[in-house]
Amino acid sequence: MGSAPSTSAKCQKCGVPATESLRNCPSCGYDLGCPNVRAAMTADEVDALSSRFNTAAANADKRGLAEEFAALVLVVHSASHVVVAMRPLSARHLLSDPLELYANYESLVGAGNRLPAPSKDDGDRHAVSGKLFASYASEIRYGVLSLDGVGLSNYGLVFVRLRDVAIEQRVSFLHENSYLFMDALQVPVRGNLPHGFRSGWQNRDKLVAAKIEPILSAGSNATNWARQLVAQGATRSEDKCVEAHIFGSFNADSVESIEFARPGSSRGERNDINCIKELMARRGPGGGMA
């Protein structure tokens, strides 16, 4: 996740300053762009990420891995997509109803449609998301950047790959799972996050290359990098990923394809998975039901 930039945005239409957390100008309503993307694309962030990327490229060259490094950058730029892991029932509901929107934890709890997590977990969740996204934290939906359509199975058996066109203008990326990232940095309540660990859609290749370069090996290829980019852990705290942050919700028409971590462990899950497969088989080009 990323914190808001330190300076206010200025509306390009009417010139009125607007706080970093706003999507629309409070004066004229002009679309300022998604605040998470703006935060990831400040000059300080872009420059710091470029520095990390250049250092990684130099290190790869010294280790005789310049060819692999260049191939990694190209693969990520051309073949990486956002994947959201869901429970089978959630994915079935999303695909079954064209009016259904994907709901995150905050919106479900706020609407009274699910119970909050235990107090400590609930507090940790709000502390991390509030630190990183301030007042628009409830607008963020979480996923991962993936090379092969695989997500993190600790979050759900169904891996929903989203269409690039549906999210590329409103997604940002973080070097690691937000909880693990904050823990590793030990960021205090009033502290700032270091620059260079976030990106927008267009420079996600630099973020991944800087992350994977230390474990890059001779002869490695897209299959290896896919497993390093999304590494399944025994628990969520052992998962490894580049976390995706999508501003706003999405529906069935946002879905490109679906993969499954494994067969369902119950009759209900297996029924939901069979239904998902049938729904996907009936879809027309570009999403939606045929």
C-alpha atoms as a PDB file:
ATOM      1  CA  MET A   1       0.000   0.000   0.000  1.00  0.00           C
ATOM      2  CA  GLY A   2       1.051   3.634  -0.292  1.00  0.00           C
ATOM      3  CA  SER A   3       0.578   6.715   1.830  1.00  0.00           C
ATOM      4  CA  ALA A   4      -0.735   9.952   0.373  1.00  0.00           C
ATOM      5  CA  PRO A   5       1.787  12.413  -1.052  1.00  0.00           C
ATOM      6  CA  SER A   6       2.895  15.262   1.187  1.00  0.00           C
ATOM      7  CA  THR A   7       1.623  18.064  -1.050  1.00  0.00           C
ATOM      8  CA  SER A   8      -1.958  18.838  -2.007  1.00  0.00           C
ATOM      9  CA  ALA A   9      -3.215  18.259  -5.519  1.00  0.00           C
ATOM     10  CA  LYS A  10      -4.406  21.224  -7.547  1.00  0.00           C
ATOM     11  CA  CYS A  11      -7.404  20.910  -9.823  1.00  0.00           C
ATOM     12  CA  GLN A  12      -6.301  21.195 -13.443  1.00  0.00           C
ATOM     13  CA  LYS A  13      -9.654  22.684 -14.396  1.00  0.00           C
ATOM     14  CA  CYS A  14     -10.393  25.345 -11.771  1.00  0.00           C
ATOM     15  CA  GLY A  15      -7.071  25.623  -9.929  1.00  0.00           C
ATOM     16  CA  VAL A  16      -8.489  25.039  -6.456  1.00  0.00           C
ATOM     17  CA  PRO A  17      -6.252  22.989  -4.105  1.00  0.00           C
ATOM     18  CA  ALA A  18      -7.636  19.594  -3.130  1.00  0.00           C
ATOM     19  CA  THR A  19      -6.403  17.239  -0.444  1.00  0.00           C
ATOM     20  CA  GLU A  20      -4.517  14.136  -1.513  1.00  0.00           C
ATOM     21  CA  SER A  21      -7.303  11.760  -0.481  1.00  0.00           C
ATOM     22  CA  LEU A  22      -9.954  13.202  -2.796  1.00  0.00           C
ATOM     23  CA  ARG A  23     -10.915  11.679  -6.139  1.00  0.00           C
ATOM     24  CA  ASN A  24     -12.884  14.724  -7.326  1.00  0.00           C
ATOM     25  CA  CYS A  25     -12.294  18.437  -6.985  1.00  0.00           C
ATOM     26  CA  PRO A  26     -14.510  19.806  -4.187  1.00  0.00           C
ATOM     27  CA  SER A  27     -15.053  22.992  -6.172  1.00  0.00           C
ATOM     28  CA  CYS A  28     -15.938  21.902  -9.714  1.00  0.00           C
ATOM     29  CA  GLY A  29     -16.136  18.112  -9.470  1.00  0.00           C
ATOM     30  CA  TYR A  30     -13.313  17.524 -11.952  1.00  0.00           C
ATOM     31  CA  ASP A  31     -11.823  14.026 -11.786  1.00  0.00           C
ATOM     32  CA  LEU A  32      -8.398  14.376 -10.186  1.00  0.00           C
ATOM     33  CA  GLY A  33      -7.559  10.714 -10.714  1.00  0.00           C
ATOM     34  CA  CYS A  34      -7.525   7.905  -8.188  1.00  0.00           C
ATOM     35  CA  PRO A  35      -5.640   9.051  -5.075  1.00  0.00           C
ATOM     36  CA  ASN A  36      -3.727   5.782  -4.671  1.00  0.00           C
ATOM     37  CA  VAL A  37      -2.382   6.123  -8.214  1.00  0.00           C
ATOM     38  CA  ARG A  38      -1.487   9.779  -7.705  1.00  0.00           C
ATOM     39  CA  ALA A  39       0.353   8.833  -4.503  1.00  0.00           C
ATOM     40  CA  ALA A  40       2.338   6.134  -6.304  1.00  0.00           C
ATOM     41  CA  MET A  41       3.206   8.438  -9.190  1.00  0.00           C
ATOM     42  CA  THR A  42       4.589  11.502  -7.418  1.00  0.00           C
ATOM     43  CA  ALA A  43       7.980  12.672  -8.642  1.00  0.00           C
ATOM     44  CA  ASP A  44       9.637  11.482  -5.434  1.00  0.00           C
ATOM     45  CA  GLU A  45       8.168   7.990  -5.811  1.00  0.00           C
ATOM     46  CA  VAL A  46       9.003   7.673  -9.501  1.00  0.00           C
ATOM     47  CA  ASP A  47      12.555   8.930  -9.029  1.00  0.00           C
ATOM     48  CA  ALA A  48      13.204   6.642  -6.056  1.00  0.00           C
ATOM     49  CA  LEU A  49      11.824   3.624  -7.899  1.00  0.00           C
ATOM     50  CA  SER A  50      13.962   4.428 -10.934  1.00  0.00           C
ATOM     51  CA  SER A  51      16.986   4.552  -8.637  1.00  0.00           C
ATOM     52  CA  ARG A  52      16.162   1.159  -7.144  1.00  0.00           C
ATOM     53  CA  PHE A  53      15.608  -0.243 -10.631  1.00  0.00           C
ATOM     54  CA  ASN A  54      18.914   1.116 -11.941  1.00  0.00           C
ATOM     55  CA  THR A  55      20.738  -0.350  -8.959  1.00  0.00           C
ATOM     56  CA  ALA A  56      19.095  -3.721  -9.558  1.00  0.00           C
ATOM     57  CA  ALA A  57      20.038  -3.617 -13.253  1.00  0.00           C
ATOM     58  CA  ALA A  58      23.660  -2.834 -12.373  1.00  0.00           C
ATOM     59  CA  ASN A  59      23.759  -5.651  -9.845  1.00  0.00           C
ATOM     60  CA  ALA A  60      22.309  -8.100 -12.366  1.00  0.00           C
ATOM     61  CA  ASP A  61      24.919  -7.047 -14.916  1.00  0.00           C
ATOM     62  CA  LYS A  62      27.741  -7.588 -12.417  1.00  0.00           C
ATOM     63  CA  ARG A  63      26.428 -11.091 -11.741  1.00  0.00           C
ATOM     64  CA  GLY A  64      26.275 -11.899 -15.452  1.00  0.00           C
ATOM     65  CA  LEU A  65      22.469 -11.831 -15.479  1.00  0.00           C
ATOM     66  CA  ALA A  66      21.807  -8.838 -17.704  1.00  0.00           C
ATOM     67  CA  GLU A  67      19.958 -10.972 -20.256  1.00  0.00           C
ATOM     68  CA  GLU A  68      17.686 -12.552 -17.647  1.00  0.00           C
ATOM     69  CA  PHE A  69      17.039  -9.166 -16.053  1.00  0.00           C
ATOM     70  CA  ALA A  70      16.016  -7.602 -19.367  1.00  0.00           C
ATOM     71  CA  ALA A  71      13.764 -10.577 -20.135  1.00  0.00           C
ATOM     72  CA  LEU A  72      12.126 -10.281 -16.705  1.00  0.00           C
ATOM     73  CA  VAL A  73      11.338  -6.601 -17.298  1.00  0.00           C
ATOM     74  CA  LEU A  74       9.846  -7.366 -20.702  1.00  0.00           C
ATOM     75  CA  VAL A  75       7.714 -10.243 -19.416  1.00  0.00           C
ATOM     76  CA  VAL A  76       6.307  -8.221 -16.535  1.00  0.00           C
ATOM     77  CA  HIS A  77       5.568  -5.255 -18.778  1.00  0.00           C
ATOM     78  CA  SER A  78       3.775  -7.341 -21.395  1.00  0.00           C
ATOM     79  CA  ALA A  79       2.261 -10.273 -19.514  1.00  0.00           C
ATOM     80  CA  SER A  80       1.467  -9.327 -15.911  1.00  0.00           C
ATOM     81  CA  HIS A  81      -2.109  -8.822 -14.730  1.00  0.00           C
ATOM     82  CA  VAL A  82      -4.055  -8.232 -11.539  1.00  0.00           C
ATOM     83  CA  VAL A  83      -5.555 -11.262  -9.804  1.00  0.00           C
ATOM     84  CA  VAL A  84      -7.981 -11.217  -6.872  1.00  0.00           C
ATOM     85  CA  ALA A  85      -8.413 -14.373  -4.790  1.00  0.00           C
ATOM     86  CA  MET A  86     -11.968 -15.091  -3.640  1.00  0.00           C
ATOM     87  CA  ARG A  87     -13.978 -17.726  -1.863  1.00  0.00           C
ATOM     88  CA  PRO A  88     -15.944 -19.859  -4.362  1.00  0.00           C
ATOM     89  CA  LEU A  89     -19.274 -18.521  -3.108  1.00  0.00           C
ATOM     90  CA  SER A  90     -18.146 -14.903  -3.515  1.00  0.00           C
ATOM     91  CA  ALA A  91     -16.914 -15.528  -7.060  1.00  0.00           C
ATOM     92  CA  ARG A  92     -20.141 -17.343  -7.939  1.00  0.00           C
ATOM     93  CA  HIS A  93     -22.251 -14.424  -6.720  1.00  0.00           C
ATOM     94  CA  LEU A  94     -20.106 -11.938  -8.638  1.00  0.00           C
ATOM     95  CA  LEU A  95     -20.422 -13.845 -11.912  1.00  0.00           C
ATOM     96  CA  SER A  96     -24.091 -14.755 -11.499  1.00  0.00           C
ATOM     97  CA  ASP A  97     -25.502 -11.251 -11.180  1.00  0.00           C
ATOM     98  CA  PRO A  98     -24.526  -8.427 -13.570  1.00  0.00           C
ATOM     99  CA  LEU A  99     -25.557  -5.931 -10.876  1.00  0.00           C
ATOM    100  CA  GLU A 100     -23.275  -7.462  -8.245  1.00  0.00           C
ATOM    101  CA  LEU A 101     -20.218  -5.444  -7.208  1.00  0.00           C
ATOM    102  CA  TYR A 102     -17.218  -6.943  -5.466  1.00  0.00           C
ATOM    103  CA  ALA A 103     -17.329  -5.853  -1.832  1.00  0.00           C
ATOM    104  CA  ASN A 104     -14.296  -5.499   0.407  1.00  0.00           C
ATOM    105  CA  TYR A 105     -14.075  -6.118   4.145  1.00  0.00           C
ATOM    106  CA  GLU A 106     -14.800  -2.510   5.107  1.00  0.00           C
ATOM    107  CA  SER A 107     -17.936  -2.224   2.984  1.00  0.00           C
ATOM    108  CA  LEU A 108     -19.296  -5.579   4.153  1.00  0.00           C
ATOM    109  CA  VAL A 109     -18.789  -4.720   7.812  1.00  0.00           C
ATOM    110  CA  GLY A 110     -20.084  -1.184   7.334  1.00  0.00           C
ATOM    111  CA  ALA A 111     -23.241  -2.432   5.655  1.00  0.00           C
ATOM    112  CA  GLY A 112     -23.845  -5.000   8.385  1.00  0.00           C
ATOM    113  CA  ASN A 113     -23.368  -7.880   5.948  1.00  0.00           C
ATOM    114  CA  ARG A 114     -20.573  -9.559   7.892  1.00  0.00           C
ATOM    115  CA  LEU A 115     -19.160  -9.520  11.391  1.00  0.00           C
ATOM    116  CA  PRO A 116     -15.877  -7.720  12.002  1.00  0.00           C
ATOM    117  CA  ALA A 117     -12.755  -9.761  12.647  1.00  0.00           C
ATOM    118  CA  PRO A 118     -11.614 -10.224  16.256  1.00  0.00           C
ATOM    119  CA  SER A 119     -10.779  -6.888  17.839  1.00  0.00           C
ATOM    120  CA  LYS A 120      -6.991  -7.149  17.465  1.00  0.00           C
ATOM    121  CA  ASP A 121      -7.150  -8.202  13.805  1.00  0.00           C
ATOM    122  CA  ASP A 122      -9.807  -5.600  13.047  1.00  0.00           C
ATOM    123  CA  GLY A 123      -7.719  -2.915  14.725  1.00  0.00           C
ATOM    124  CA  ASP A 124      -4.558  -3.957  12.894  1.00  0.00           C
ATOM    125  CA  ARG A 125      -6.413  -3.922   9.585  1.00  0.00           C
ATOM    126  CA  HIS A 126      -7.686  -0.388  10.127  1.00  0.00           C
ATOM    127  CA  ALA A 127      -4.334   0.814  11.450  1.00  0.00           C
ATOM    128  CA  VAL A 128      -2.460  -0.413   8.371  1.00  0.00           C
ATOM    129  CA  SER A 129      -5.025   0.705   5.800  1.00  0.00           C
ATOM    130  CA  GLY A 130      -5.533   4.036   7.548  1.00  0.00           C
ATOM    131  CA  LYS A 131      -1.814   4.720   7.668  1.00  0.00           C
ATOM    132  CA  LEU A 132      -1.375   3.900   4.008  1.00  0.00           C
ATOM    133  CA  PHE A 133      -4.588   5.201   2.455  1.00  0.00           C
ATOM    134  CA  ALA A 134      -6.023   7.644   4.973  1.00  0.00           C
ATOM    135  CA  SER A 135      -9.708   8.433   4.474  1.00  0.00           C
ATOM    136  CA  TYR A 136     -10.078   6.523   1.190  1.00  0.00           C
ATOM    137  CA  ALA A 137      -8.956   3.182   2.658  1.00  0.00           C
ATOM    138  CA  SER A 138     -12.486   1.819   2.369  1.00  0.00           C
ATOM    139  CA  GLU A 139     -12.316   2.310  -1.413  1.00  0.00           C
ATOM    140  CA  ILE A 140      -9.376  -0.059  -1.884  1.00  0.00           C
ATOM    141  CA  ARG A 141      -9.802  -3.640  -3.124  1.00  0.00           C
ATOM    142  CA  TYR A 142      -6.767  -5.880  -2.788  1.00  0.00           C
ATOM    143  CA  GLY A 143      -5.188  -8.314  -5.204  1.00  0.00           C
ATOM    144  CA  VAL A 144      -1.757  -9.313  -6.484  1.00  0.00           C
ATOM    145  CA  LEU A 145       0.265  -8.817  -9.630  1.00  0.00           C
ATOM    146  CA  SER A 146       0.560 -12.167 -11.411  1.00  0.00           C
ATOM    147  CA  LEU A 147       2.278 -13.581 -14.493  1.00  0.00           C
ATOM    148  CA  ASP A 148       0.249 -16.762 -14.791  1.00  0.00           C
ATOM    149  CA  GLY A 149      -3.223 -15.957 -13.457  1.00  0.00           C
ATOM    150  CA  VAL A 150      -2.433 -17.442 -10.042  1.00  0.00           C
ATOM    151  CA  GLY A 151      -3.239 -15.585  -6.827  1.00  0.00           C
ATOM    152  CA  LEU A 152      -2.671 -16.365  -3.156  1.00  0.00           C
ATOM    153  CA  SER A 153      -4.687 -19.403  -2.085  1.00  0.00           C
ATOM    154  CA  ASN A 154      -4.662 -18.331   1.570  1.00  0.00           C
ATOM    155  CA  TYR A 155      -7.189 -15.672   0.542  1.00  0.00           C
ATOM    156  CA  GLY A 156      -9.456 -17.872  -1.578  1.00  0.00           C
ATOM    157  CA  LEU A 157      -9.572 -20.865  -3.910  1.00  0.00           C
ATOM    158  CA  VAL A 158     -10.762 -18.882  -6.923  1.00  0.00           C
ATOM    159  CA  PHE A 159      -8.260 -16.674  -8.740  1.00  0.00           C
ATOM    160  CA  VAL A 160     -10.077 -13.950 -10.647  1.00  0.00           C
ATOM    161  CA  ARG A 161      -7.935 -12.224 -13.248  1.00  0.00           C
ATOM    162  CA  LEU A 162      -9.235  -8.753 -14.033  1.00  0.00           C
ATOM    163  CA  ARG A 163      -9.224  -7.191 -17.489  1.00  0.00           C
ATOM    164  CA  ASP A 164      -6.399  -4.686 -17.843  1.00  0.00           C
ATOM    165  CA  VAL A 165      -8.721  -2.072 -19.302  1.00  0.00           C
ATOM    166  CA  ALA A 166     -10.960  -2.359 -16.240  1.00  0.00           C
ATOM    167  CA  ILE A 167      -8.303  -1.447 -13.698  1.00  0.00           C
ATOM    168  CA  GLU A 168      -5.148   0.013 -15.274  1.00  0.00           C
ATOM    169  CA  GLN A 169      -6.186   3.628 -14.576  1.00  0.00           C
ATOM    170  CA  ARG A 170      -7.053   2.956 -10.934  1.00  0.00           C
ATOM    171  CA  VAL A 171      -4.552   0.382  -9.679  1.00  0.00           C
ATOM    172  CA  SER A 172      -1.305   0.905  -7.816  1.00  0.00           C
ATOM    173  CA  PHE A 173       1.189  -1.632  -6.531  1.00  0.00           C
ATOM    174  CA  LEU A 174       3.259  -2.152  -3.396  1.00  0.00           C
ATOM    175  CA  HIS A 175       6.533  -4.068  -3.073  1.00  0.00           C
ATOM    176  CA  GLU A 176       4.995  -6.548  -0.603  1.00  0.00           C
ATOM    177  CA  ASN A 177       1.859  -7.470   1.318  1.00  0.00           C
ATOM    178  CA  SER A 178       0.937  -4.315   3.202  1.00  0.00           C
ATOM    179  CA  TYR A 179       0.986  -5.896   6.674  1.00  0.00           C
ATOM    180  CA  LEU A 180       4.375  -7.502   6.102  1.00  0.00           C
ATOM    181  CA  PHE A 181       5.728  -4.337   4.513  1.00  0.00           C
ATOM    182  CA  MET A 182       4.700  -2.190   7.481  1.00  0.00           C
ATOM    183  CA  ASP A 183       6.077  -4.731   9.955  1.00  0.00           C
ATOM    184  CA  ALA A 184       9.414  -4.947   8.153  1.00  0.00           C
ATOM    185  CA  LEU A 185       9.776  -1.165   8.102  1.00  0.00           C
ATOM    186  CA  GLN A 186       8.449  -0.700  11.637  1.00  0.00           C
ATOM    187  CA  VAL A 187       6.810   2.535  10.527  1.00  0.00           C
ATOM    188  CA  PRO A 188       5.607   4.586  13.525  1.00  0.00           C
ATOM    189  CA  VAL A 189       2.203   6.226  13.611  1.00  0.00           C
ATOM    190  CA  ARG A 190       3.628   9.614  12.629  1.00  0.00           C
ATOM    191  CA  GLY A 191       6.424   8.260  10.457  1.00  0.00           C
ATOM    192  CA  ASN A 192       6.712   8.371   6.674  1.00  0.00           C
ATOM    193  CA  LEU A 193       7.050   5.481   4.286  1.00  0.00           C
ATOM    194  CA  PRO A 194      10.238   5.285   2.235  1.00  0.00           C
ATOM    195  CA  HIS A 195       9.923   6.233  -1.410  1.00  0.00           C
ATOM    196  CA  GLY A 196      10.463   3.834  -4.276  1.00  0.00           C
ATOM    197  CA  PHE A 197       8.375   0.855  -3.165  1.00  0.00           C
ATOM    198  CA  ARG A 198       5.171   1.752  -4.997  1.00  0.00           C
ATOM    199  CA  SER A 199       4.248   2.034  -8.635  1.00  0.00           C
ATOM    200  CA  GLY A 200       1.452   2.716 -11.051  1.00  0.00           C
ATOM    201  CA  TRP A 201       0.424   0.427 -13.894  1.00  0.00           C
ATOM    202  CA  GLN A 202       3.002   1.699 -16.387  1.00  0.00           C
ATOM    203  CA  ASN A 203       6.057   1.198 -14.178  1.00  0.00           C
ATOM    204  CA  ARG A 204       5.088  -2.047 -12.472  1.00  0.00           C
ATOM    205  CA  ASP A 205       7.903  -3.778 -14.378  1.00  0.00           C
ATOM    206  CA  LYS A 206      10.479  -1.668 -12.525  1.00  0.00           C
ATOM    207  CA  LEU A 207       8.909  -2.504  -9.168  1.00  0.00           C
ATOM    208  CA  VAL A 208       8.977  -6.250  -9.847  1.00  0.00           C
ATOM    209  CA  ALA A 209      12.481  -6.212 -11.309  1.00  0.00           C
ATOM    210  CA  ALA A 210      13.867  -4.388  -8.268  1.00  0.00           C
ATOM    211  CA  LYS A 211      12.153  -6.921  -5.991  1.00  0.00           C
ATOM    212  CA  ILE A 212      13.175 -10.104  -7.822  1.00  0.00           C
ATOM    213  CA  GLU A 213      16.726  -9.161  -8.884  1.00  0.00           C
ATOM    214  CA  PRO A 214      18.373 -10.385  -5.649  1.00  0.00           C
ATOM    215  CA  ILE A 215      16.984 -13.895  -6.273  1.00  0.00           C
ATOM    216  CA  LEU A 216      17.398 -13.846 -10.062  1.00  0.00           C
ATOM    217  CA  SER A 217      19.370 -16.827 -11.322  1.00  0.00           C
ATOM    218  CA  ALA A 218      21.030 -17.855 -14.566  1.00  0.00           C
ATOM    219  CA  GLY A 219      18.674 -19.486 -17.050  1.00  0.00           C
ATOM    220  CA  SER A 220      15.542 -18.492 -15.143  1.00  0.00           C
ATOM    221  CA  ASN A 221      12.419 -17.808 -17.160  1.00  0.00           C
ATOM    222  CA  ALA A 222       8.801 -16.664 -16.927  1.00  0.00           C
ATOM    223  CA  THR A 223       7.722 -19.834 -15.142  1.00  0.00           C
ATOM    224  CA  ASN A 224      10.311 -19.261 -12.405  1.00  0.00           C
ATOM    225  CA  TRP A 225       9.471 -15.583 -12.109  1.00  0.00           C
ATOM    226  CA  ALA A 226       5.736 -16.280 -11.832  1.00  0.00           C
ATOM    227  CA  ARG A 227       6.360 -18.435  -8.757  1.00  0.00           C
ATOM    228  CA  GLN A 228       8.697 -15.841  -7.254  1.00  0.00           C
ATOM    229  CA  LEU A 229       6.242 -13.022  -7.897  1.00  0.00           C
ATOM    230  CA  VAL A 230       3.369 -14.917  -6.233  1.00  0.00           C
ATOM    231  CA  ALA A 231       4.897 -17.300  -3.699  1.00  0.00           C
ATOM    232  CA  GLN A 232       2.431 -19.435  -1.740  1.00  0.00           C
ATOM    233  CA  GLY A 233       3.134 -19.667   1.973  1.00  0.00           C
ATOM    234  CA  ALA A 234       1.758 -22.057   4.561  1.00  0.00           C
ATOM    235  CA  THR A 235       0.096 -19.009   6.153  1.00  0.00           C
ATOM    236  CA  ARG A 236      -0.664 -15.476   4.997  1.00  0.00           C
ATOM    237  CA  SER A 237       2.366 -14.189   6.883  1.00  0.00           C
ATOM    238  CA  GLU A 238       4.560 -16.462   4.751  1.00  0.00           C
ATOM    239  CA  ASP A 239       3.027 -15.438   1.415  1.00  0.00           C
ATOM    240  CA  LYS A 240       5.105 -13.308  -0.942  1.00  0.00           C
ATOM    241  CA  CYS A 241       3.659 -10.998  -3.557  1.00  0.00           C
ATOM    242  CA  VAL A 242       3.514  -7.581  -5.131  1.00  0.00           C
ATOM    243  CA  GLU A 243       0.248  -6.306  -3.720  1.00  0.00           C
ATOM    244  CA  ALA A 244      -2.283  -4.611  -6.014  1.00  0.00           C
ATOM    245  CA  HIS A 245      -4.560  -1.842  -4.772  1.00  0.00           C
ATOM    246  CA  ILE A 246      -7.652  -1.151  -6.870  1.00  0.00           C
ATOM    247  CA  PHE A 247      -9.583   2.051  -6.200  1.00  0.00           C
ATOM    248  CA  GLY A 248     -13.301   1.298  -6.302  1.00  0.00           C
ATOM    249  CA  SER A 249     -15.193  -1.860  -7.007  1.00  0.00           C
ATOM    250  CA  PHE A 250     -15.642  -4.052 -10.076  1.00  0.00           C
ATOM    251  CA  ASN A 251     -18.251  -6.426 -11.514  1.00  0.00           C
ATOM    252  CA  ALA A 252     -18.470  -9.526 -13.688  1.00  0.00           C
ATOM    253  CA  ASP A 253     -17.653  -7.531 -16.822  1.00  0.00           C
ATOM    254  CA  SER A 254     -14.281  -6.698 -15.261  1.00  0.00           C
ATOM    255  CA  VAL A 255     -13.296 -10.380 -15.224  1.00  0.00           C
ATOM    256  CA  GLU A 256     -10.938 -11.707 -17.905  1.00  0.00           C
ATOM    257  CA  SER A 257     -10.444 -15.311 -16.770  1.00  0.00           C
ATOM    258  CA  ILE A 258     -10.474 -17.582 -13.737  1.00  0.00           C
ATOM    259  CA  GLU A 259      -8.143 -20.213 -12.309  1.00  0.00           C
ATOM    260  CA  PHE A 260      -8.634 -22.473  -9.294  1.00  0.00           C
ATOM    261  CA  ALA A 261      -6.139 -23.229  -6.561  1.00  0.00           C
ATOM    262  CA  ARG A 262      -7.571 -26.716  -6.035  1.00  0.00           C
ATOM    263  CA  PRO A 263     -10.934 -28.519  -5.931  1.00  0.00           C
ATOM    264  CA  GLY A 264     -13.309 -27.395  -3.224  1.00  0.00           C
ATOM    265  CA  SER A 265     -12.994 -29.080   0.152  1.00  0.00           C
ATOM    266  CA  SER A 266     -16.747 -29.345   0.679  1.00  0.00           C
ATOM    267  CA  ARG A 267     -19.759 -30.216  -1.444  1.00  0.00           C
ATOM    268  CA  GLY A 268     -20.837 -26.574  -1.349  1.00  0.00           C
ATOM    269  CA  GLU A 269     -17.471 -25.347  -2.618  1.00  0.00           C
ATOM    270  CA  ARG A 270     -17.389 -27.958  -5.365  1.00  0.00           C
ATOM    271  CA  ASN A 271     -20.897 -26.951  -6.464  1.00  0.00           C
ATOM    272  CA  ASP A 272     -19.878 -23.293  -6.514  1.00  0.00           C
ATOM    273  CA  ILE A 273     -16.777 -24.091  -8.580  1.00  0.00           C
ATOM    274  CA  ASN A 274     -18.824 -26.095 -11.096  1.00  0.00           C
ATOM    275  CA  CYS A 275     -21.245 -23.200 -11.366  1.00  0.00           C
ATOM    276  CA  ILE A 276     -18.367 -20.760 -11.911  1.00  0.00           C
ATOM    277  CA  LYS A 277     -17.011 -22.925 -14.723  1.00  0.00           C
ATOM    278  CA  GLU A 278     -20.449 -22.984 -16.382  1.00  0.00           C
ATOM    279  CA  LEU A 279     -20.841 -19.232 -16.051  1.00  0.00           C
ATOM    280  CA  MET A 280     -17.412 -18.596 -17.535  1.00  0.00           C
ATOM    281  CA  ALA A 281     -18.129 -20.947 -20.438  1.00  0.00           C
ATOM    282  CA  ARG A 282     -21.220 -18.880 -21.326  1.00  0.00           C
ATOM    283  CA  ARG A 283     -19.438 -15.555 -21.325  1.00  0.00           C
ATOM    284  CA  GLY A 284     -19.162 -13.516 -24.499  1.00  0.00           C
ATOM    285  CA  PRO A 285     -16.061 -11.725 -25.801  1.00  0.00           C
ATOM    286  CA  GLY A 286     -14.898  -8.959 -23.501  1.00  0.00           C
ATOM    287  CA  GLY A 287     -16.909 -10.166 -20.522  1.00  0.00           C
ATOM    288  CA  GLY A 288     -20.603 -10.455 -19.847  1.00  0.00           C
ATOM    289  CA  MET A 289     -22.951 -13.302 -20.542  1.00  0.00           C
ATOM    290  CA  ALA A 290     -23.300 -14.580 -24.089  1.00  0.00           C
END
